N, C-alpha and C. Protein backbone atom coordinates (compact mmCIF):
# COMPACT_ATOMS: atom_id res chain seq x y z
N UNK A 1 0.68 -1.11 -0.05
CA UNK A 1 0.19 0.25 -0.08
C UNK A 1 1.27 1.59 0.21
N UNK A 2 0.28 2.37 -0.67
CA UNK A 2 1.15 3.55 -0.92
C UNK A 2 0.86 4.21 0.49
N UNK A 3 1.78 4.99 1.08
CA UNK A 3 1.85 5.80 1.90
C UNK A 3 1.74 7.08 1.43
N UNK A 4 0.12 7.76 1.42
CA UNK A 4 -0.02 9.22 0.97
C UNK A 4 -0.31 10.21 1.91
N UNK A 5 0.47 10.29 2.87
CA UNK A 5 0.28 11.30 4.05
C UNK A 5 1.46 12.08 2.99
N UNK A 6 1.31 13.71 3.59
CA UNK A 6 2.05 14.84 3.06
C UNK A 6 3.09 15.03 4.25
N UNK A 7 4.09 15.84 3.67
CA UNK A 7 4.85 16.52 4.60
C UNK A 7 4.03 17.59 5.82
N UNK A 8 4.43 17.76 7.17
CA UNK A 8 3.58 18.12 8.14
C UNK A 8 3.59 19.80 7.62
N UNK A 9 4.48 20.42 6.89
CA UNK A 9 4.73 21.91 6.57
C UNK A 9 3.90 21.78 5.05
N UNK A 10 2.82 21.15 4.67
CA UNK A 10 2.87 21.22 3.24
C UNK A 10 1.73 22.02 3.01
N UNK A 11 1.42 22.98 2.14
CA UNK A 11 0.25 23.61 1.83
C UNK A 11 -0.72 23.07 0.90
N UNK A 12 0.16 22.71 -0.08
CA UNK A 12 -1.23 22.24 -1.41
C UNK A 12 -0.75 20.57 -1.57
N UNK A 13 -0.08 19.87 -1.93
CA UNK A 13 0.49 18.84 -2.42
C UNK A 13 2.08 18.39 -1.50
N UNK A 14 2.25 19.51 -1.13
CA UNK A 14 3.32 18.99 -0.33
C UNK A 14 4.73 18.80 -1.22
N UNK A 15 4.91 19.95 -2.61
CA UNK A 15 6.38 19.76 -3.24
C UNK A 15 6.95 20.51 -2.87
N UNK A 16 6.45 21.39 -2.29
CA UNK A 16 7.63 22.51 -1.80
C UNK A 16 8.29 21.90 -0.63
N UNK A 17 7.19 21.04 0.07
CA UNK A 17 7.52 21.08 1.45
C UNK A 17 8.55 19.88 1.64
N UNK A 18 8.40 19.30 0.41
CA UNK A 18 9.64 17.77 0.21
C UNK A 18 10.45 18.07 -0.31
N UNK A 19 10.88 19.12 -1.65
CA UNK A 19 11.79 19.43 -2.05
C UNK A 19 12.72 19.68 -0.86
N UNK A 20 12.01 21.00 -0.53
CA UNK A 20 13.14 21.57 0.93
C UNK A 20 13.68 20.89 1.53
N UNK A 21 12.96 19.59 2.26
CA UNK A 21 13.21 18.62 2.77
C UNK A 21 14.70 17.96 2.56
N UNK A 22 14.41 17.39 1.60
CA UNK A 22 15.53 16.99 0.48
C UNK A 22 16.59 17.26 0.33
N UNK A 23 16.38 18.73 -0.06
CA UNK A 23 17.91 19.34 -0.22
C UNK A 23 18.14 20.54 0.66
N UNK A 24 17.41 20.03 1.97
CA UNK A 24 17.60 20.88 3.21
C UNK A 24 17.52 22.72 3.12
N UNK A 25 16.77 22.89 2.20
CA UNK A 25 16.59 24.27 1.90
C UNK A 25 15.01 24.90 2.99
N UNK A 26 15.03 25.93 2.69
CA UNK A 26 14.15 26.58 3.95
C UNK A 26 13.13 26.50 2.57
N UNK A 27 11.67 26.03 3.53
CA UNK A 27 10.59 25.60 2.77
C UNK A 27 9.88 27.25 2.47
N UNK A 28 10.09 28.08 2.45
CA UNK A 28 9.26 29.40 1.80
C UNK A 28 10.22 30.05 0.98
N UNK A 29 11.46 29.38 0.24
CA UNK A 29 12.54 29.86 -0.32
C UNK A 29 12.00 28.91 -1.79
N UNK A 30 11.92 27.44 -1.49
CA UNK A 30 11.17 26.81 -2.27
C UNK A 30 9.98 27.19 -2.72
N UNK A 31 8.49 27.76 -2.42
CA UNK A 31 7.53 27.99 -2.64
C UNK A 31 7.94 29.55 -3.16
N UNK A 32 8.78 30.40 -2.81
CA UNK A 32 9.17 31.51 -3.45
C UNK A 32 9.51 31.32 -4.91
N UNK A 33 10.32 30.33 -5.58
CA UNK A 33 10.67 29.71 -6.64
C UNK A 33 9.86 30.02 -6.90
N UNK A 34 8.55 28.88 -6.72
CA UNK A 34 7.25 28.19 -7.86
C UNK A 34 6.94 29.30 -7.93
N UNK A 35 6.15 30.51 -6.83
CA UNK A 35 5.66 31.72 -7.26
C UNK A 35 6.65 32.58 -8.57
N UNK A 36 7.60 32.56 -8.46
CA UNK A 36 8.42 32.95 -8.84
C UNK A 36 8.03 32.59 -10.70
N UNK A 37 8.27 31.09 -10.63
CA UNK A 37 8.18 30.35 -11.89
C UNK A 37 6.62 30.77 -12.28
N UNK A 38 5.53 30.94 -11.52
CA UNK A 38 3.98 30.71 -12.04
C UNK A 38 4.04 32.03 -12.67
N UNK A 39 5.29 33.43 -12.42
CA UNK A 39 4.96 34.90 -12.65
C UNK A 39 5.01 34.90 -14.00
N UNK A 40 6.71 33.68 -14.34
CA UNK A 40 7.49 33.95 -15.48
C UNK A 40 6.77 32.99 -16.75
N UNK A 41 6.56 31.37 -16.12
CA UNK A 41 6.07 30.34 -17.03
C UNK A 41 4.88 29.83 -16.57
N UNK A 42 3.99 30.03 -16.55
CA UNK A 42 2.53 29.72 -15.76
C UNK A 42 2.74 28.35 -16.36
N UNK A 43 2.19 27.90 -17.37
CA UNK A 43 1.98 26.90 -17.76
C UNK A 43 3.19 25.70 -17.65
N UNK A 44 4.10 25.74 -17.70
CA UNK A 44 4.86 25.28 -17.88
C UNK A 44 5.28 24.74 -15.57
N UNK A 45 4.82 25.66 -15.19
CA UNK A 45 5.37 25.68 -13.82
C UNK A 45 4.39 24.78 -13.13
N UNK A 46 3.18 24.73 -13.86
CA UNK A 46 1.81 24.18 -13.49
C UNK A 46 2.16 22.91 -13.56
N UNK A 47 2.72 22.69 -14.83
CA UNK A 47 2.68 21.20 -15.33
C UNK A 47 3.95 20.42 -14.95
N UNK A 48 4.70 21.19 -14.14
CA UNK A 48 6.17 20.61 -13.32
C UNK A 48 5.62 20.05 -11.78
N UNK A 49 5.05 21.18 -11.58
CA UNK A 49 3.97 21.30 -10.12
C UNK A 49 3.35 20.19 -10.12
N UNK A 50 2.76 19.61 -10.88
CA UNK A 50 1.74 18.31 -11.03
C UNK A 50 2.55 17.23 -11.25
N UNK A 51 3.98 17.16 -11.87
CA UNK A 51 4.60 16.01 -12.32
C UNK A 51 5.16 16.00 -10.79
N UNK A 52 5.45 16.63 -10.73
CA UNK A 52 6.15 16.31 -9.32
C UNK A 52 5.59 15.83 -8.34
N UNK A 53 3.80 16.10 -7.98
CA UNK A 53 3.18 15.82 -6.91
C UNK A 53 2.75 14.38 -7.49
N UNK A 54 2.37 13.87 -8.84
CA UNK A 54 2.06 12.65 -8.87
C UNK A 54 3.50 11.84 -8.58
N UNK A 55 5.12 12.25 -8.72
CA UNK A 55 6.16 11.51 -8.57
C UNK A 55 6.04 11.45 -7.16
N UNK A 56 6.29 12.21 -6.14
CA UNK A 56 6.52 12.37 -5.00
C UNK A 56 5.30 11.27 -4.04
N UNK A 57 4.16 11.71 -4.61
CA UNK A 57 3.20 9.92 -4.04
C UNK A 57 3.43 9.19 -4.57
N UNK A 58 4.19 8.67 -5.69
CA UNK A 58 4.23 7.67 -6.62
C UNK A 58 5.89 6.29 -5.22
N UNK A 59 6.39 7.94 -5.11
CA UNK A 59 7.40 7.68 -4.25
C UNK A 59 7.27 7.27 -3.02
N UNK A 60 6.39 7.81 -2.38
CA UNK A 60 6.13 7.93 -0.53
C UNK A 60 6.37 6.67 -0.04
N UNK A 61 6.25 5.43 -0.62
CA UNK A 61 6.23 4.22 -0.40
C UNK A 61 7.65 3.70 -0.15
N UNK A 62 8.66 4.73 -0.13
CA UNK A 62 9.85 4.55 -0.22
C UNK A 62 10.28 4.22 1.39
N UNK A 63 11.97 3.46 1.48
CA UNK A 63 12.46 3.50 2.82
C UNK A 63 12.11 4.54 3.81
N UNK A 64 12.42 5.82 3.43
CA UNK A 64 12.12 6.97 4.59
C UNK A 64 11.11 7.05 4.95
N UNK A 65 9.94 6.77 4.27
CA UNK A 65 8.55 6.89 4.53
C UNK A 65 7.85 5.34 5.44
N UNK A 66 8.72 4.19 5.29
CA UNK A 66 8.19 3.54 5.75
C UNK A 66 8.21 3.25 7.17
N UNK A 67 9.20 3.93 7.70
CA UNK A 67 9.60 4.06 9.60
C UNK A 67 8.56 4.79 9.91
N UNK A 68 7.91 5.42 9.35
CA UNK A 68 7.07 6.68 9.64
C UNK A 68 5.82 6.05 10.50
N UNK A 69 5.10 7.12 11.30
CA UNK A 69 3.86 6.42 12.34
C UNK A 69 2.54 5.85 11.27
N UNK A 70 1.85 5.11 11.97
CA UNK A 70 0.92 4.72 10.57
C UNK A 70 -0.33 5.98 10.16
N UNK A 71 -1.30 5.82 9.01
CA UNK A 71 -2.07 7.06 8.88
C UNK A 71 -2.49 7.05 9.80
N UNK A 72 -3.14 8.55 9.56
CA UNK A 72 -3.79 9.24 10.91
C UNK A 72 -3.75 10.12 11.03
N UNK A 73 -3.51 10.90 12.45
CA UNK A 73 -2.83 11.94 12.69
C UNK A 73 -1.50 12.05 12.52
N UNK A 74 -1.17 12.84 11.79
CA UNK A 74 0.66 12.72 11.49
C UNK A 74 1.28 13.29 12.99
N UNK A 75 1.28 14.32 12.92
CA UNK A 75 2.21 15.10 14.00
C UNK A 75 1.90 14.18 15.69
N UNK A 76 2.52 14.38 16.90
CA UNK A 76 2.34 13.52 17.74
C UNK A 76 1.36 14.85 19.00
N UNK A 77 1.22 16.37 18.41
CA UNK A 77 0.28 17.28 18.72
C UNK A 77 -0.99 17.02 18.53
N UNK A 78 -1.43 16.47 17.58
CA UNK A 78 -2.32 16.36 16.83
C UNK A 78 -2.78 14.98 17.00
N UNK A 79 -2.45 14.20 17.58
CA UNK A 79 -2.61 12.91 17.92
C UNK A 79 -3.27 12.84 19.14
N UNK A 80 -2.33 13.61 20.31
CA UNK A 80 -2.98 14.11 21.36
C UNK A 80 -4.19 14.43 21.53
N UNK A 81 -3.95 15.51 20.90
CA UNK A 81 -5.51 16.09 20.54
C UNK A 81 -6.90 15.45 20.20
N UNK A 82 -6.52 14.31 19.51
CA UNK A 82 -7.93 13.35 19.08
C UNK A 82 -8.17 12.83 20.23
N UNK A 83 -7.25 11.79 20.49
CA UNK A 83 -6.96 11.36 22.05
C UNK A 83 -8.00 12.01 22.77
N UNK A 84 -8.02 13.31 23.05
CA UNK A 84 -8.61 14.41 24.45
C UNK A 84 -9.97 14.44 23.72
N UNK A 85 -10.08 14.60 22.25
CA UNK A 85 -11.23 14.99 21.48
C UNK A 85 -12.22 13.69 21.84
N UNK A 86 -12.19 12.29 21.75
CA UNK A 86 -12.37 11.41 21.99
C UNK A 86 -13.06 11.05 23.43
N UNK A 87 -11.82 11.42 24.20
CA UNK A 87 -12.54 11.35 25.98
C UNK A 87 -13.21 12.17 26.17
N UNK A 88 -13.73 13.64 25.31
CA UNK A 88 -14.44 14.59 25.19
C UNK A 88 -15.61 13.83 25.33
N UNK A 89 -15.63 13.36 24.18
CA UNK A 89 -16.89 12.78 23.15
C UNK A 89 -17.61 11.70 24.09
N UNK A 90 -16.79 10.86 24.90
CA UNK A 90 -17.20 9.70 25.79
C UNK A 90 -17.70 10.59 26.58
N UNK A 91 -17.36 11.56 27.65
CA UNK A 91 -17.68 12.25 28.63
C UNK A 91 -19.31 12.73 28.44
N UNK A 92 -19.32 13.41 27.23
CA UNK A 92 -20.68 14.30 26.66
C UNK A 92 -21.81 12.51 26.85
N UNK A 93 -21.38 11.88 25.91
CA UNK A 93 -22.28 10.75 25.92
C UNK A 93 -22.58 10.15 26.71
N UNK A 94 -21.76 9.87 28.08
CA UNK A 94 -22.12 9.65 29.47
C UNK A 94 -22.98 10.44 30.34
N UNK A 95 -22.85 11.84 29.92
CA UNK A 95 -23.62 12.63 30.48
C UNK A 95 -24.94 12.51 29.77
N UNK A 96 -25.27 12.58 28.69
CA UNK A 96 -26.20 12.28 27.78
C UNK A 96 -27.19 11.44 28.32
N UNK A 97 -26.34 10.01 28.64
CA UNK A 97 -27.13 8.91 28.87
C UNK A 97 -27.72 9.17 30.50
N UNK A 98 -27.22 9.66 31.51
CA UNK A 98 -27.38 9.87 32.48
C UNK A 98 -28.29 10.77 32.72
N UNK A 99 -28.61 11.74 31.86
CA UNK A 99 -29.45 13.16 31.28
C UNK A 99 -31.20 12.46 30.99
N UNK A 100 -30.76 11.05 30.71
CA UNK A 100 -32.43 10.65 30.24
C UNK A 100 -33.02 9.79 30.97
């Protein structure tokens, strides 16, 4: 099964974030280059971005992603929030049952 998760700092398809991660660059610098490309050669930049998005999605099942946590909430902070929300939902349901 292919891992379809995006990098945590992804805005659209995660292309800029993944390129920045792999090259060790600032993600906003890479995004700036894409914006500059959109201003200069719009169609070519959109095509390149789409090809990179598909290519990175296909390569997402590589060795560097297999050790990642299972699909779901990606960051530990979000996972903790999810657990707290589930606990609150359980408490509300218990309160609703007691009120009936």
